[in-house]
Amino acid sequence: MYKNVLQSIDNIAIWPVISFAIFFIFFIVLLWWVFSADRKFIDKMKSLPMDNTDPNEIALQNENE
């Protein structure tokens, strides 16, 4: 039944191409962000789970930067 419904849609073959293009563009942008991210930001986020400081202190430090 679903096969017949999908076959009746005009230009159904373009949707897989559009989906692939969206995925590919997202993947390329994500790779670009990973390789161009600031090292200080990465180190800060990496150490955040082990940090025992008060969240209010972190907010004040971020405002001062």
C-alpha atoms as a PDB file:
ATOM      1  CA  MET A   1       0.000   0.000   0.000  1.00  0.00           C
ATOM      2  CA  TYR A   2       2.716   2.506   0.962  1.00  0.00           C
ATOM      3  CA  LYS A   3       4.676   1.690  -2.158  1.00  0.00           C
ATOM      4  CA  ASN A   4       1.727   2.729  -4.308  1.00  0.00           C
ATOM      5  CA  VAL A   5       1.260   5.950  -2.343  1.00  0.00           C
ATOM      6  CA  LEU A   6       4.904   6.944  -2.766  1.00  0.00           C
ATOM      7  CA  GLN A   7       4.884   6.091  -6.467  1.00  0.00           C
ATOM      8  CA  SER A   8       1.939   8.403  -7.046  1.00  0.00           C
ATOM      9  CA  ILE A   9       3.868  11.456  -5.776  1.00  0.00           C
ATOM     10  CA  ASP A  10       5.294  13.570  -8.582  1.00  0.00           C
ATOM     11  CA  ASN A  11       9.097  13.981  -8.578  1.00  0.00           C
ATOM     12  CA  ILE A  12       9.570  11.528  -5.690  1.00  0.00           C
ATOM     13  CA  ALA A  13      13.101  10.716  -6.889  1.00  0.00           C
ATOM     14  CA  ILE A  14      14.377  14.186  -5.955  1.00  0.00           C
ATOM     15  CA  TRP A  15      13.797  13.728  -2.185  1.00  0.00           C
ATOM     16  CA  PRO A  16      16.632  11.248  -1.600  1.00  0.00           C
ATOM     17  CA  VAL A  17      18.981  13.618  -3.427  1.00  0.00           C
ATOM     18  CA  ILE A  18      17.832  16.553  -1.293  1.00  0.00           C
ATOM     19  CA  SER A  19      18.205  14.478   1.889  1.00  0.00           C
ATOM     20  CA  PHE A  20      21.723  13.438   0.928  1.00  0.00           C
ATOM     21  CA  ALA A  21      22.665  17.031   0.096  1.00  0.00           C
ATOM     22  CA  ILE A  22      21.399  18.277   3.479  1.00  0.00           C
ATOM     23  CA  PHE A  23      23.310  15.523   5.307  1.00  0.00           C
ATOM     24  CA  PHE A  24      26.484  16.148   3.301  1.00  0.00           C
ATOM     25  CA  ILE A  25      26.390  19.914   3.868  1.00  0.00           C
ATOM     26  CA  PHE A  26      25.743  19.416   7.593  1.00  0.00           C
ATOM     27  CA  PHE A  27      28.643  16.946   7.821  1.00  0.00           C
ATOM     28  CA  ILE A  28      31.036  19.305   6.024  1.00  0.00           C
ATOM     29  CA  VAL A  29      30.017  22.258   8.224  1.00  0.00           C
ATOM     30  CA  LEU A  30      30.453  20.125  11.337  1.00  0.00           C
ATOM     31  CA  LEU A  31      33.927  19.039  10.227  1.00  0.00           C
ATOM     32  CA  TRP A  32      34.848  22.666   9.511  1.00  0.00           C
ATOM     33  CA  TRP A  33      33.654  23.696  13.005  1.00  0.00           C
ATOM     34  CA  VAL A  34      35.610  20.881  14.682  1.00  0.00           C
ATOM     35  CA  PHE A  35      38.866  21.785  12.986  1.00  0.00           C
ATOM     36  CA  SER A  36      38.455  25.546  13.369  1.00  0.00           C
ATOM     37  CA  ALA A  37      37.174  25.645  16.970  1.00  0.00           C
ATOM     38  CA  ASP A  38      39.138  27.670  19.490  1.00  0.00           C
ATOM     39  CA  ARG A  39      41.422  25.470  21.614  1.00  0.00           C
ATOM     40  CA  LYS A  40      40.620  27.453  24.769  1.00  0.00           C
ATOM     41  CA  PHE A  41      36.923  26.754  24.279  1.00  0.00           C
ATOM     42  CA  ILE A  42      37.561  23.030  23.715  1.00  0.00           C
ATOM     43  CA  ASP A  43      39.751  22.782  26.819  1.00  0.00           C
ATOM     44  CA  LYS A  44      37.205  24.688  28.892  1.00  0.00           C
ATOM     45  CA  MET A  45      34.367  22.391  27.801  1.00  0.00           C
ATOM     46  CA  LYS A  46      36.566  19.322  28.290  1.00  0.00           C
ATOM     47  CA  SER A  47      37.321  20.189  31.914  1.00  0.00           C
ATOM     48  CA  LEU A  48      33.814  21.365  32.767  1.00  0.00           C
ATOM     49  CA  PRO A  49      32.443  17.992  34.025  1.00  0.00           C
ATOM     50  CA  MET A  50      35.315  17.639  36.518  1.00  0.00           C
ATOM     51  CA  ASP A  51      35.113  21.242  37.716  1.00  0.00           C
ATOM     52  CA  ASN A  52      33.791  21.646  41.269  1.00  0.00           C
ATOM     53  CA  THR A  53      33.295  25.396  41.254  1.00  0.00           C
ATOM     54  CA  ASP A  54      30.003  27.107  41.887  1.00  0.00           C
ATOM     55  CA  PRO A  55      27.966  27.728  38.682  1.00  0.00           C
ATOM     56  CA  ASN A  56      27.443  31.339  39.783  1.00  0.00           C
ATOM     57  CA  GLU A  57      31.205  31.867  39.852  1.00  0.00           C
ATOM     58  CA  ILE A  58      31.490  30.509  36.318  1.00  0.00           C
ATOM     59  CA  ALA A  59      28.796  32.926  35.148  1.00  0.00           C
ATOM     60  CA  LEU A  60      30.681  35.829  36.734  1.00  0.00           C
ATOM     61  CA  GLN A  61      33.952  34.721  35.146  1.00  0.00           C
ATOM     62  CA  ASN A  62      32.290  34.539  31.721  1.00  0.00           C
ATOM     63  CA  GLU A  63      30.939  38.064  32.098  1.00  0.00           C
ATOM     64  CA  ASN A  64      34.400  39.379  32.915  1.00  0.00           C
ATOM     65  CA  GLU A  65      36.086  37.775  29.881  1.00  0.00           C
END
